[in-house]
Amino acid sequence: MVAFGWWSLAVAAMAGVFYFQGSCYSEKAPNYSFLQQATSAPSIAYYDYIIIGGGTAGCPLAATLSQNFSVLLLERGGSPYGNPNITNIASFADTLSDLSPKSPSQRFISEDGVINARARVLGGGSCLNAGFYTRASPDYVRDAGWDGRLVNRSYQWVEKMITFRPPMLQWQSAVKDGLLEVGVLPYNGFTYDHMYGTKVGGTIFDKEGHRHTAADLLERANPSGLTVLLHATVNRIRFRTKGIARPRAHGVIFRDATGTKHRAYLRKGSKNEIIVSAGAIGSPQLLMLSGIGPEEHLRSFGINVVVDQPMVGQGMSDNPMNAIFIPSPLPVEVSLIQVVGITQFGSYIEASGGGNFARSAPTGSRRNFGMFSPQTGQLSTVPPKQRTPEAIAKAVEAMNSLDEESFRGGFIIEKVMGPLSTGHLELRNRDANDNPSVTFNYFKEPADLQRCIAGIKTIERVIESKAFSKFRYPYISMGALINMTLTYPVNLRPKHSNVTTSVEQFCKDSVMTIWHYHGGCQVGRVVDHDYRVLGVDAIRVIDGSTFNYSPGTNPQATVMMLGRYMGIKIRNERLGTDGLD
């Protein structure tokens, strides 16, 4: 029973592992004059730029373009401001366990049997994640073909407003020292830079434990140049096709919270554009719903094909995460990801801990154990047809009977770099509010599995290190920790009995998401190096769906950087300037 409580809390905490600033304007969050409910929008309106998705890329992109042009930012979710589950570090898991239609987090389960979530809120994944902030490597920047000077300035623009140095208390320090003891060297101290060895990264949580998000970057917007509509779900992008050589995007159709339909169009002008920043799930889905995708697949749903583009939805990847939970004889401070070991063999080692945030806030008179709690019905050890209300109630009762000491502890995780394994995304229907079908093919490529094995073995050595010894019970063997991990609901995949003797099987059976999914609209396959969609005009995709690999140990910094970076590039191209700010 105690083990059940420990692990349930640990996986609730894992829900946070996931995956902006500049001008003279001074409007402060959350009192933005340009922030409106979509119900207040006119039936038809015109803009220079229409950005679909107010997430980690869309917010800095909108803030940048609004300084010179009229911009409409359409966000299908609500505002993050005033929501304590988003703001406070100690209660963030509640958002991921909220399955209501208005939740900032929209759950989806991949065809691999791994429970995942996508953001549905202004600020995107930066409102839901564990807050770790780290840049991409120089090699990644070079391979992407980005301008290094502008990349650095764009990162700095983000960092001036929403990043902080974490406190690094006892638990995180013990993990750091353990990594160094087992040879994840050198120690690089506190840095945003990506380099081999062990380092302390940045965080978007301030010293009071309050989250700062991509939505805060809208403080740098020009209020007279920006309109942000909340609860505005774009159903499709409209194209002109008659009398022109290639289809040209010219408007969008979206619905407000009441279901009322609105239209927004580009103003006349050859350089005006629609920019899709709906994320790795939303962007390929919206392109397909709008007629850009595999012809046969689109026709099966009665969608008029604008461009037969078979690569839309391909190359989907999610960095597999595996973890070991360690119950602690000592209290563990509330901490999300603060330290990372960047290994030479392609696995990143991180840690998080603390009873308060794992335990989360009471739901009525009962504890809420986050997105993997029995209240949500995701009990992987129980077949779906047996997940009855009675079975769930029994599990909840058992959890609520645990004493406070059962909630001490934390976990050490490993994330596979890259990864090399890829899958695909397909439509289920024509409803933009529904999740598409997503397959990530975790560990399809043997190299990814080998990286996981090496990562788990490194975690075991850290747990057994002298530096970490005060945070583990000496009489609980590594095999017992492994078994504890596999006993409880980390995913919906089949479990095997040989996990204590086969690290390979443990990796496969215990795989989870780290919320760093990407792909579906990749550069060179769906968009060009300026992020213009191939085969059509006046439309770009700017977000993580364009990535071939996940940048750094957490992509949020690079996604926010990309929004700012491309905003500057688009502005300079249009105005004929070459400024970095």
Protein backbone atom coordinates (compact mmCIF):
# COMPACT_ATOMS: atom_id res chain seq x y z
CA MET A 1 0.00 0.00 0.00
CA VAL A 2 2.73 2.45 0.91
CA ALA A 3 4.47 1.68 -2.36
CA PHE A 4 1.26 2.44 -4.24
CA GLY A 5 1.14 5.88 -2.64
CA TRP A 6 4.77 6.58 -3.31
CA TRP A 7 4.62 5.78 -6.98
CA SER A 8 1.25 7.38 -7.62
CA LEU A 9 2.62 10.60 -6.24
CA ALA A 10 5.78 10.28 -8.24
CA VAL A 11 4.02 9.91 -11.56
CA ALA A 12 1.77 12.84 -10.68
CA ALA A 13 4.91 14.86 -10.27
CA MET A 14 6.23 13.60 -13.60
CA ALA A 15 3.29 15.28 -15.23
CA GLY A 16 5.27 18.50 -15.04
CA VAL A 17 8.28 17.32 -17.01
CA PHE A 18 7.69 18.61 -20.28
CA TYR A 19 8.23 20.31 -22.72
CA PHE A 20 9.88 35.75 -24.13
CA GLN A 21 10.64 40.16 -24.07
CA GLY A 22 12.53 44.38 -26.21
CA SER A 23 10.23 47.23 -27.05
CA CYS A 24 8.89 50.43 -25.55
CA TYR A 25 5.39 49.18 -24.73
CA SER A 26 4.51 48.68 -21.09
CA GLU A 27 1.22 46.82 -20.73
CA LYS A 28 1.54 44.31 -17.91
CA ALA A 29 0.10 40.83 -17.58
CA PRO A 30 -2.67 40.05 -16.96
CA ASN A 31 -4.15 43.48 -17.70
CA TYR A 32 -3.74 43.35 -21.45
CA SER A 33 -6.10 45.67 -23.29
CA PHE A 34 -5.81 43.49 -26.42
CA LEU A 35 -7.00 40.30 -24.67
CA GLN A 36 -10.61 39.43 -25.52
CA GLN A 37 -13.00 36.52 -25.58
CA ALA A 38 -13.72 35.33 -29.12
CA THR A 39 -17.43 35.91 -28.49
CA SER A 40 -16.70 39.63 -28.77
CA ALA A 41 -15.08 39.28 -32.20
CA PRO A 42 -16.81 40.70 -35.28
CA SER A 43 -18.16 38.24 -37.82
CA ILE A 44 -15.50 39.40 -40.32
CA ALA A 45 -12.22 41.25 -39.70
CA TYR A 46 -8.96 41.93 -41.58
CA TYR A 47 -5.29 41.82 -40.48
CA ASP A 48 -1.75 41.79 -41.85
CA TYR A 49 -0.93 38.56 -39.98
CA ILE A 50 -3.16 35.88 -38.53
CA ILE A 51 -1.37 33.61 -36.05
CA ILE A 52 -3.12 30.37 -35.09
CA GLY A 53 -2.05 29.24 -31.63
CA GLY A 54 -1.06 31.41 -28.67
CA GLY A 55 1.54 29.03 -27.26
CA THR A 56 5.27 29.01 -26.69
CA ALA A 57 6.00 30.10 -30.27
CA GLY A 58 2.84 32.07 -31.03
CA CYS A 59 3.12 34.55 -28.15
CA PRO A 60 6.65 35.83 -28.86
CA LEU A 61 5.91 35.81 -32.59
CA ALA A 62 2.78 37.92 -32.10
CA ALA A 63 4.53 40.31 -29.71
CA THR A 64 7.29 40.88 -32.25
CA LEU A 65 5.17 41.31 -35.38
CA SER A 66 2.67 43.59 -33.61
CA GLN A 67 5.33 46.27 -33.27
CA ASN A 68 5.07 46.99 -36.99
CA PHE A 69 1.93 45.30 -38.28
CA SER A 70 -1.67 44.44 -37.38
CA VAL A 71 -1.78 40.96 -35.86
CA LEU A 72 -4.59 38.63 -34.84
CA LEU A 73 -3.61 35.86 -32.40
CA LEU A 74 -6.17 33.06 -32.09
CA GLU A 75 -5.96 30.80 -29.02
CA ARG A 76 -8.35 27.88 -28.56
CA GLY A 77 -7.90 27.93 -24.77
CA GLY A 78 -8.36 30.53 -22.07
CA SER A 79 -6.10 32.78 -20.04
CA PRO A 80 -3.52 31.35 -17.62
CA TYR A 81 -3.87 34.30 -15.29
CA GLY A 82 -5.80 33.75 -12.10
CA ASN A 83 -5.41 29.96 -12.27
CA PRO A 84 -3.41 28.88 -9.16
CA ASN A 85 -2.78 25.42 -10.60
CA ILE A 86 -0.79 27.07 -13.39
CA THR A 87 0.83 29.76 -11.27
CA ASN A 88 1.98 27.82 -8.20
CA ILE A 89 4.73 25.23 -8.30
CA ALA A 90 3.13 23.18 -5.53
CA SER A 91 -0.12 22.49 -7.38
CA PHE A 92 0.73 22.25 -11.05
CA ALA A 93 -0.16 18.54 -11.34
CA ASP A 94 -3.80 19.44 -10.77
CA THR A 95 -3.99 21.00 -14.22
CA LEU A 96 -2.81 17.80 -15.91
CA SER A 97 -5.32 15.72 -13.95
CA ASP A 98 -8.17 18.05 -14.94
CA LEU A 99 -10.11 16.30 -17.69
CA SER A 100 -12.87 18.89 -18.02
CA PRO A 101 -13.60 20.38 -21.46
CA LYS A 102 -12.23 23.75 -20.34
CA SER A 103 -9.03 22.40 -18.81
CA PRO A 104 -5.78 24.10 -19.90
CA SER A 105 -4.52 20.58 -20.54
CA GLN A 106 -6.09 18.29 -23.13
CA ARG A 107 -5.23 14.65 -22.61
CA PHE A 108 -4.49 12.28 -25.45
CA ILE A 109 -3.24 8.71 -25.38
CA SER A 110 -0.91 7.72 -28.18
CA GLU A 111 -1.42 4.49 -30.08
CA ASP A 112 1.67 3.28 -28.20
CA GLY A 113 -0.35 3.23 -24.97
CA VAL A 114 1.40 6.24 -23.42
CA ILE A 115 -0.66 8.93 -21.71
CA ASN A 116 0.16 12.40 -22.96
CA ALA A 117 -1.20 15.95 -22.88
CA ARG A 118 -1.31 19.00 -25.12
CA ALA A 119 -1.78 22.58 -23.98
CA ARG A 120 -5.05 24.44 -24.42
CA VAL A 121 -4.22 27.81 -22.88
CA LEU A 122 -2.57 31.12 -23.75
CA GLY A 123 1.13 30.50 -23.16
CA GLY A 124 0.90 26.88 -24.31
CA GLY A 125 3.13 24.22 -22.77
CA SER A 126 4.99 26.82 -20.71
CA CYS A 127 1.84 26.93 -18.54
CA LEU A 128 1.94 23.19 -17.84
CA ASN A 129 5.56 22.08 -17.76
CA ALA A 130 8.19 21.66 -15.05
CA GLY A 131 9.76 24.97 -16.01
CA PHE A 132 13.28 23.85 -16.97
CA TYR A 133 14.97 26.34 -19.28
CA THR A 134 18.01 25.44 -21.38
CA ARG A 135 19.22 26.40 -24.85
CA ALA A 136 19.87 24.20 -27.86
CA SER A 137 23.45 23.19 -28.59
CA PRO A 138 25.59 25.17 -31.07
CA ASP A 139 25.55 22.11 -33.35
CA TYR A 140 21.74 22.14 -33.35
CA VAL A 141 21.70 25.85 -34.28
CA ARG A 142 24.19 25.26 -37.09
CA ASP A 143 22.34 22.23 -38.46
CA ALA A 144 19.07 24.21 -38.46
CA GLY A 145 20.71 26.89 -40.60
CA TRP A 146 19.85 29.65 -38.13
CA ASP A 147 21.73 32.95 -37.81
CA GLY A 148 23.78 32.45 -34.61
CA ARG A 149 23.83 36.13 -33.64
CA LEU A 150 20.07 36.48 -34.00
CA VAL A 151 19.54 33.21 -32.16
CA ASN A 152 21.53 34.48 -29.18
CA ARG A 153 19.73 37.81 -29.15
CA SER A 154 16.38 36.02 -29.36
CA TYR A 155 17.23 33.74 -26.43
CA GLN A 156 18.31 36.78 -24.43
CA TRP A 157 15.05 38.52 -25.24
CA VAL A 158 13.23 35.61 -23.62
CA GLU A 159 15.57 35.30 -20.67
CA LYS A 160 15.31 38.95 -19.61
CA MET A 161 11.66 38.49 -18.70
CA ILE A 162 10.78 34.99 -17.63
CA THR A 163 13.81 32.97 -16.52
CA PHE A 164 15.47 32.61 -13.12
CA ARG A 165 18.24 30.76 -11.33
CA PRO A 166 16.80 27.87 -9.27
CA PRO A 167 17.56 27.59 -5.52
CA MET A 168 19.23 24.13 -5.69
CA LEU A 169 18.40 22.84 -2.21
CA GLN A 170 19.29 19.48 -0.65
CA TRP A 171 17.55 16.98 -2.97
CA GLN A 172 18.68 18.58 -6.23
CA SER A 173 22.17 19.11 -4.83
CA ALA A 174 22.39 15.43 -3.85
CA VAL A 175 21.45 14.41 -7.40
CA LYS A 176 24.00 16.85 -8.82
CA ASP A 177 26.75 15.50 -6.57
CA GLY A 178 25.71 11.94 -7.38
CA LEU A 179 25.99 12.60 -11.11
CA LEU A 180 29.49 13.98 -10.62
CA GLU A 181 30.45 11.07 -8.39
CA VAL A 182 29.47 8.53 -11.07
CA GLY A 183 31.39 10.36 -13.77
CA VAL A 184 28.95 12.64 -15.62
CA LEU A 185 31.65 15.29 -15.94
CA PRO A 186 32.68 18.07 -16.00
CA TYR A 187 30.61 20.23 -13.66
CA ASN A 188 29.52 23.27 -15.68
CA GLY A 189 27.79 25.19 -12.89
CA PHE A 190 24.71 27.32 -13.62
CA THR A 191 24.27 27.93 -17.34
CA TYR A 192 21.62 28.07 -20.02
CA ASP A 193 24.09 26.56 -22.50
CA HIS A 194 23.96 22.95 -23.65
CA MET A 195 27.25 21.11 -22.96
CA TYR A 196 28.37 17.66 -21.91
CA GLY A 197 28.61 17.07 -18.19
CA THR A 198 26.46 18.12 -15.26
CA LYS A 199 24.92 21.56 -14.95
CA VAL A 200 22.24 23.61 -13.23
CA GLY A 201 19.79 25.03 -15.76
CA GLY A 202 17.35 27.91 -15.64
CA THR A 203 13.73 27.85 -14.57
CA ILE A 204 10.60 29.86 -15.36
CA PHE A 205 9.55 29.66 -11.68
CA ASP A 206 10.62 32.67 -9.60
CA LYS A 207 11.93 32.53 -6.03
CA GLU A 208 8.36 32.54 -4.68
CA GLY A 209 7.55 29.46 -6.76
CA HIS A 210 5.36 31.39 -9.20
CA ARG A 211 5.40 30.42 -12.85
CA HIS A 212 6.18 32.87 -15.66
CA THR A 213 4.99 31.85 -19.11
CA ALA A 214 5.17 32.67 -22.79
CA ALA A 215 1.98 34.70 -22.28
CA ASP A 216 4.07 37.16 -20.23
CA LEU A 217 6.05 37.95 -23.38
CA LEU A 218 2.98 39.71 -24.74
CA GLU A 219 4.02 42.58 -22.44
CA ARG A 220 6.38 43.46 -25.28
CA ALA A 221 3.58 43.69 -27.82
CA ASN A 222 2.28 46.91 -29.33
CA PRO A 223 -1.26 47.09 -27.88
CA SER A 224 -2.55 49.00 -30.89
CA GLY A 225 -1.20 46.36 -33.28
CA LEU A 226 -2.41 43.20 -31.57
CA THR A 227 -5.74 41.47 -30.99
CA VAL A 228 -5.73 38.24 -28.94
CA LEU A 229 -8.92 36.17 -29.00
CA LEU A 230 -9.40 33.44 -26.40
CA HIS A 231 -11.52 30.32 -26.84
CA ALA A 232 -11.18 30.75 -30.60
CA THR A 233 -10.92 27.35 -32.30
CA VAL A 234 -9.82 27.50 -35.93
CA ASN A 235 -11.69 24.94 -38.02
CA ARG A 236 -9.81 25.49 -41.25
CA ILE A 237 -7.68 27.82 -43.30
CA ARG A 238 -9.19 29.17 -46.49
CA PHE A 239 -7.31 29.28 -49.83
CA ARG A 240 -7.76 31.07 -53.13
CA THR A 241 -7.14 28.81 -56.10
CA LYS A 242 -8.78 30.41 -59.13
CA GLY A 243 -6.67 32.34 -61.59
CA ILE A 244 -3.37 31.86 -59.72
CA ALA A 245 -0.49 29.44 -60.18
CA ARG A 246 -0.55 28.09 -56.63
CA PRO A 247 -3.14 28.04 -53.85
CA ARG A 248 -2.86 31.10 -51.62
CA ALA A 249 -4.01 31.29 -48.01
CA HIS A 250 -6.23 34.29 -47.41
CA GLY A 251 -8.31 33.68 -44.29
CA VAL A 252 -9.47 31.43 -41.47
CA ILE A 253 -12.78 30.23 -40.09
CA PHE A 254 -12.99 29.93 -36.31
CA ARG A 255 -15.67 29.36 -33.71
CA ASP A 256 -16.03 30.99 -30.32
CA ALA A 257 -17.05 29.32 -27.05
CA THR A 258 -20.73 29.38 -28.03
CA GLY A 259 -20.06 27.73 -31.39
CA THR A 260 -20.68 30.93 -33.35
CA LYS A 261 -18.66 31.09 -36.55
CA HIS A 262 -16.32 34.01 -37.33
CA ARG A 263 -14.06 34.78 -40.27
CA ALA A 264 -10.76 36.60 -40.33
CA TYR A 265 -9.02 37.53 -43.58
CA LEU A 266 -5.66 38.87 -44.62
CA ARG A 267 -5.60 42.45 -45.79
CA LYS A 268 -4.64 43.07 -49.38
CA GLY A 269 -0.89 42.84 -49.83
CA SER A 270 1.46 40.19 -51.17
CA LYS A 271 3.45 39.93 -47.93
CA ASN A 272 0.56 39.36 -45.52
CA GLU A 273 0.47 35.81 -44.16
CA ILE A 274 -1.24 33.23 -42.01
CA ILE A 275 1.13 31.57 -39.53
CA VAL A 276 0.26 28.27 -37.89
CA SER A 277 1.76 27.90 -34.40
CA ALA A 278 -0.61 25.27 -33.01
CA GLY A 279 2.08 22.84 -31.84
CA ALA A 280 3.24 19.41 -32.88
CA ILE A 281 -0.27 17.97 -32.61
CA GLY A 282 -2.37 20.94 -33.70
CA SER A 283 -0.35 22.21 -36.66
CA PRO A 284 -0.33 19.04 -38.81
CA GLN A 285 -3.93 18.40 -37.79
CA LEU A 286 -5.01 21.86 -38.95
CA LEU A 287 -3.12 21.61 -42.23
CA MET A 288 -4.95 18.35 -42.95
CA LEU A 289 -8.34 19.78 -41.99
CA SER A 290 -7.58 22.65 -44.37
CA GLY A 291 -6.76 20.37 -47.31
CA ILE A 292 -2.97 20.07 -47.09
CA GLY A 293 -1.91 16.49 -46.48
CA PRO A 294 -1.97 12.95 -47.90
CA GLU A 295 -4.61 13.02 -50.63
CA GLU A 296 -6.13 9.59 -50.03
CA HIS A 297 -6.33 10.16 -46.27
CA LEU A 298 -8.01 13.57 -46.67
CA ARG A 299 -10.53 12.31 -49.21
CA SER A 300 -11.53 9.51 -46.83
CA PHE A 301 -12.91 12.27 -44.56
CA GLY A 302 -14.51 14.24 -47.40
CA ILE A 303 -11.92 17.02 -47.21
CA ASN A 304 -11.25 18.95 -50.41
CA VAL A 305 -7.58 18.53 -51.26
CA VAL A 306 -5.70 21.81 -51.76
CA VAL A 307 -2.26 20.19 -52.01
CA ASP A 308 -1.39 16.51 -51.94
CA GLN A 309 1.35 16.65 -49.30
CA PRO A 310 2.07 13.12 -47.99
CA MET A 311 4.67 14.28 -45.46
CA VAL A 312 2.21 16.22 -43.30
CA GLY A 313 1.87 14.26 -40.07
CA GLN A 314 5.01 12.19 -40.70
CA GLY A 315 8.16 12.21 -38.59
CA MET A 316 6.29 12.42 -35.28
CA SER A 317 8.59 11.84 -32.31
CA ASP A 318 8.36 12.00 -28.54
CA ASN A 319 11.45 11.73 -26.39
CA PRO A 320 10.87 8.62 -24.29
CA MET A 321 11.20 9.13 -20.55
CA ASN A 322 11.86 6.43 -17.98
CA ALA A 323 12.22 6.93 -14.25
CA ILE A 324 12.95 5.32 -10.92
CA PHE A 325 11.08 6.55 -7.88
CA ILE A 326 13.03 6.68 -4.61
CA PRO A 327 11.14 6.85 -1.30
CA SER A 328 13.13 8.97 1.15
CA PRO A 329 13.69 8.68 4.92
CA LEU A 330 14.11 12.47 4.97
CA PRO A 331 11.69 15.21 3.89
CA VAL A 332 12.33 16.28 0.30
CA GLU A 333 11.89 19.87 -0.81
CA VAL A 334 9.41 20.68 -3.55
CA SER A 335 11.53 20.94 -6.67
CA LEU A 336 10.97 20.40 -10.35
CA ILE A 337 13.77 19.91 -12.87
CA GLN A 338 16.81 22.01 -11.90
CA VAL A 339 19.91 19.93 -12.63
CA VAL A 340 20.74 17.81 -15.67
CA GLY A 341 23.48 15.36 -16.55
CA ILE A 342 24.17 15.51 -20.29
CA THR A 343 25.92 12.24 -21.09
CA GLN A 344 28.18 11.33 -23.98
CA PHE A 345 26.02 8.28 -24.78
CA GLY A 346 22.86 10.26 -25.61
CA SER A 347 20.74 10.23 -22.45
CA TYR A 348 19.87 13.18 -20.22
CA ILE A 349 19.55 12.55 -16.47
CA GLU A 350 17.27 14.84 -14.43
CA ALA A 351 15.41 14.74 -11.13
CA SER A 352 12.39 16.10 -9.32
CA GLY A 353 10.99 15.59 -5.86
CA GLY A 354 8.95 16.75 -2.91
CA GLY A 355 5.79 15.57 -1.19
CA ASN A 356 3.74 18.75 -1.47
CA PHE A 357 3.58 19.07 -5.23
CA ALA A 358 3.31 15.33 -5.74
CA ARG A 359 0.50 15.07 -3.24
CA SER A 360 -1.15 18.06 -4.85
CA ALA A 361 -4.23 19.87 -3.58
CA PRO A 362 -7.25 18.20 -2.02
CA THR A 363 -10.21 17.53 -4.28
CA GLY A 364 -13.07 17.98 -1.87
CA SER A 365 -12.04 15.84 1.08
CA ARG A 366 -9.82 13.59 -1.00
CA ARG A 367 -6.28 13.84 -2.27
CA ASN A 368 -5.68 14.36 -5.96
CA PHE A 369 -2.72 12.44 -7.32
CA GLY A 370 -2.32 14.18 -10.63
CA MET A 371 -2.92 12.97 -14.12
CA PHE A 372 -2.19 9.31 -13.29
CA SER A 373 -4.49 9.21 -10.29
CA PRO A 374 -7.21 6.53 -10.03
CA GLN A 375 -9.77 9.35 -10.14
CA THR A 376 -9.00 9.67 -13.86
CA GLY A 377 -9.43 5.96 -14.46
CA GLN A 378 -5.98 5.45 -15.96
CA LEU A 379 -4.99 2.31 -14.02
CA SER A 380 -2.63 0.50 -16.35
CA THR A 381 -2.65 -2.68 -14.30
CA VAL A 382 -6.42 -2.98 -14.69
CA PRO A 383 -7.88 -3.91 -18.10
CA PRO A 384 -10.01 -1.07 -19.53
CA LYS A 385 -13.30 -2.93 -19.14
CA GLN A 386 -12.53 -3.53 -15.47
CA ARG A 387 -11.86 0.13 -14.67
CA THR A 388 -15.23 0.39 -12.97
CA PRO A 389 -16.29 3.21 -10.64
CA GLU A 390 -16.10 0.69 -7.79
CA ALA A 391 -12.49 -0.26 -8.62
CA ILE A 392 -11.49 3.37 -8.90
CA ALA A 393 -13.23 4.25 -5.62
CA LYS A 394 -11.37 1.43 -3.89
CA ALA A 395 -8.02 2.70 -5.15
CA VAL A 396 -8.85 6.25 -4.08
CA GLU A 397 -9.79 5.02 -0.61
CA ALA A 398 -6.50 3.17 -0.32
CA MET A 399 -4.54 6.23 -1.31
CA ASN A 400 -6.35 8.48 1.14
CA SER A 401 -5.54 6.12 4.01
CA LEU A 402 -1.79 6.66 3.61
CA ASP A 403 0.09 8.71 6.20
CA GLU A 404 2.21 11.74 5.36
CA GLU A 405 5.52 9.87 5.52
CA SER A 406 4.40 7.78 2.55
CA PHE A 407 4.70 10.84 0.34
CA ARG A 408 8.36 11.57 0.94
CA GLY A 409 10.65 11.04 -1.98
CA GLY A 410 11.26 11.92 -5.56
CA PHE A 411 12.40 10.43 -8.81
CA ILE A 412 15.35 10.46 -11.14
CA ILE A 413 14.53 10.29 -14.83
CA GLU A 414 16.33 9.76 -18.09
CA LYS A 415 15.31 11.19 -21.45
CA VAL A 416 16.62 9.75 -24.72
CA MET A 417 18.30 12.36 -26.90
CA GLY A 418 16.78 12.94 -30.34
CA PRO A 419 15.11 10.47 -30.59
CA LEU A 420 15.77 8.49 -33.77
CA SER A 421 12.45 6.63 -33.65
CA THR A 422 9.57 8.30 -35.47
CA GLY A 423 5.88 7.71 -36.08
CA HIS A 424 2.95 9.51 -37.64
CA LEU A 425 -0.25 11.46 -37.05
CA GLU A 426 -3.61 10.88 -38.72
CA LEU A 427 -7.06 12.43 -38.45
CA ARG A 428 -9.81 10.64 -36.58
CA ASN A 429 -12.52 13.03 -37.79
CA ARG A 430 -13.05 16.59 -39.00
CA ASP A 431 -13.52 18.11 -35.54
CA ALA A 432 -10.67 20.51 -34.73
CA ASN A 433 -11.41 20.13 -31.01
CA ASP A 434 -10.77 16.38 -31.01
CA ASN A 435 -7.37 14.74 -30.77
CA PRO A 436 -5.98 13.10 -33.89
CA SER A 437 -4.46 9.61 -33.79
CA VAL A 438 -0.76 9.77 -32.92
CA THR A 439 1.85 7.01 -32.98
CA PHE A 440 5.37 7.73 -31.72
CA ASN A 441 6.93 4.24 -32.06
CA TYR A 442 8.97 4.50 -28.88
CA PHE A 443 12.25 2.50 -29.12
CA LYS A 444 11.57 1.41 -32.69
CA GLU A 445 15.21 2.26 -33.42
CA PRO A 446 17.62 0.06 -31.43
CA ALA A 447 19.93 3.01 -30.71
CA ASP A 448 17.17 4.70 -28.69
CA LEU A 449 16.72 1.59 -26.56
CA GLN A 450 20.46 1.36 -25.94
CA ARG A 451 20.50 4.97 -24.77
CA CYS A 452 17.67 4.23 -22.36
CA ILE A 453 19.52 1.21 -20.97
CA ALA A 454 22.65 3.29 -20.41
CA GLY A 455 20.55 6.04 -18.82
CA ILE A 456 18.81 3.68 -16.38
CA LYS A 457 22.14 2.14 -15.37
CA THR A 458 23.46 5.64 -14.69
CA ILE A 459 20.42 6.43 -12.55
CA GLU A 460 21.02 3.25 -10.54
CA ARG A 461 24.60 4.32 -9.89
CA VAL A 462 23.46 7.77 -8.77
CA ILE A 463 20.94 6.22 -6.36
CA GLU A 464 23.71 4.03 -4.92
CA SER A 465 26.22 6.89 -4.71
CA LYS A 466 27.54 8.23 -1.41
CA ALA A 467 26.30 11.71 -2.30
CA PHE A 468 22.70 10.50 -2.54
CA SER A 469 22.77 8.03 0.37
CA LYS A 470 20.80 10.11 2.88
CA PHE A 471 17.79 10.20 0.54
CA ARG A 472 17.30 6.45 0.22
CA TYR A 473 16.42 3.57 2.53
CA PRO A 474 19.44 1.22 2.57
CA TYR A 475 17.26 -1.87 2.98
CA ILE A 476 15.23 -1.23 -0.22
CA SER A 477 17.14 -2.91 -3.03
CA MET A 478 17.39 -1.61 -6.55
CA GLY A 479 15.27 -4.55 -7.69
CA ALA A 480 12.56 -3.52 -5.23
CA LEU A 481 12.63 0.04 -6.57
CA ILE A 482 12.32 -1.29 -10.12
CA ASN A 483 9.40 -3.53 -9.15
CA MET A 484 7.72 -0.67 -7.31
CA THR A 485 8.02 1.44 -10.42
CA LEU A 486 6.43 -1.18 -12.67
CA THR A 487 3.61 -2.06 -10.30
CA TYR A 488 1.70 1.15 -10.75
CA PRO A 489 0.08 3.18 -13.52
CA VAL A 490 2.89 4.73 -15.53
CA ASN A 491 1.29 3.86 -18.89
CA LEU A 492 -1.23 1.52 -20.52
CA ARG A 493 1.31 -0.93 -21.94
CA PRO A 494 1.63 -4.63 -21.06
CA LYS A 495 3.92 -5.47 -18.16
CA HIS A 496 6.44 -8.32 -17.89
CA SER A 497 7.92 -10.19 -14.95
CA ASN A 498 11.59 -9.99 -15.92
CA VAL A 499 12.15 -6.26 -15.49
CA THR A 500 14.55 -6.65 -12.56
CA THR A 501 16.89 -8.74 -14.70
CA SER A 502 16.34 -6.99 -18.06
CA VAL A 503 16.89 -3.24 -18.22
CA GLU A 504 15.78 -3.45 -21.85
CA GLN A 505 12.38 -4.79 -20.78
CA PHE A 506 12.12 -2.19 -18.03
CA CYS A 507 12.65 0.58 -20.59
CA LYS A 508 9.91 -0.80 -22.82
CA ASP A 509 7.43 -1.48 -20.02
CA SER A 510 7.90 1.77 -18.09
CA VAL A 511 8.19 4.26 -20.97
CA MET A 512 6.41 7.56 -20.46
CA THR A 513 6.26 10.87 -22.23
CA ILE A 514 8.40 13.81 -21.24
CA TRP A 515 5.98 16.04 -23.21
CA HIS A 516 8.66 16.93 -25.75
CA TYR A 517 6.85 15.65 -28.85
CA HIS A 518 7.71 17.25 -32.17
CA GLY A 519 7.54 16.70 -35.92
CA GLY A 520 4.61 16.50 -38.34
CA CYS A 521 5.55 19.65 -40.32
CA GLN A 522 9.29 19.23 -40.61
CA VAL A 523 11.69 21.54 -42.43
CA GLY A 524 12.54 20.16 -45.87
CA ARG A 525 9.49 17.89 -45.87
CA VAL A 526 6.48 20.14 -45.21
CA VAL A 527 8.02 23.62 -44.88
CA ASP A 528 11.13 25.23 -46.35
CA HIS A 529 13.95 26.79 -44.32
CA ASP A 530 11.92 30.00 -43.97
CA TYR A 531 9.05 27.87 -42.59
CA ARG A 532 6.82 28.51 -45.61
CA VAL A 533 4.52 25.59 -46.38
CA LEU A 534 5.63 23.87 -49.58
CA GLY A 535 3.23 24.04 -52.51
CA VAL A 536 1.13 26.99 -51.29
CA ASP A 537 1.61 30.71 -50.71
CA ALA A 538 1.06 33.05 -47.75
CA ILE A 539 1.24 30.42 -45.02
CA ARG A 540 4.00 29.33 -42.66
CA VAL A 541 4.32 26.93 -39.75
CA ILE A 542 6.45 28.18 -36.86
CA ASP A 543 6.59 25.89 -33.82
CA GLY A 544 7.99 22.56 -32.60
CA SER A 545 6.21 20.60 -35.32
CA THR A 546 9.01 21.72 -37.66
CA PHE A 547 11.77 20.10 -35.57
CA ASN A 548 13.53 16.94 -36.71
CA TYR A 549 14.98 16.43 -33.22
CA SER A 550 14.11 17.91 -29.85
CA PRO A 551 16.58 20.71 -29.01
CA GLY A 552 18.61 20.61 -25.83
CA THR A 553 17.32 18.85 -22.74
CA ASN A 554 14.04 20.80 -22.84
CA PRO A 555 12.66 22.43 -26.00
CA GLN A 556 10.64 25.32 -24.52
CA ALA A 557 13.53 27.81 -24.63
CA THR A 558 14.16 27.08 -28.30
CA VAL A 559 10.48 27.17 -29.26
CA MET A 560 10.14 30.60 -27.62
CA MET A 561 13.38 31.70 -29.25
CA LEU A 562 12.07 30.56 -32.64
CA GLY A 563 8.95 32.69 -32.27
CA ARG A 564 11.02 35.78 -31.58
CA TYR A 565 13.67 34.84 -34.17
CA MET A 566 11.18 34.37 -37.00
CA GLY A 567 9.26 37.49 -36.00
CA ILE A 568 12.46 39.51 -36.51
CA LYS A 569 13.29 37.68 -39.74
CA ILE A 570 9.81 38.28 -41.19
CA ARG A 571 9.86 41.94 -40.15
CA ASN A 572 13.32 42.54 -41.61
CA GLU A 573 12.43 40.79 -44.85
CA ARG A 574 9.28 42.84 -45.23
CA LEU A 575 10.75 46.22 -44.27
CA GLY A 576 14.11 45.69 -45.97
CA THR A 577 16.05 46.16 -42.71
CA ASP A 578 18.70 44.07 -40.97
CA GLY A 579 18.13 44.79 -37.30
CA LEU A 580 18.55 42.25 -34.51
CA ASP A 581 16.02 43.89 -32.16
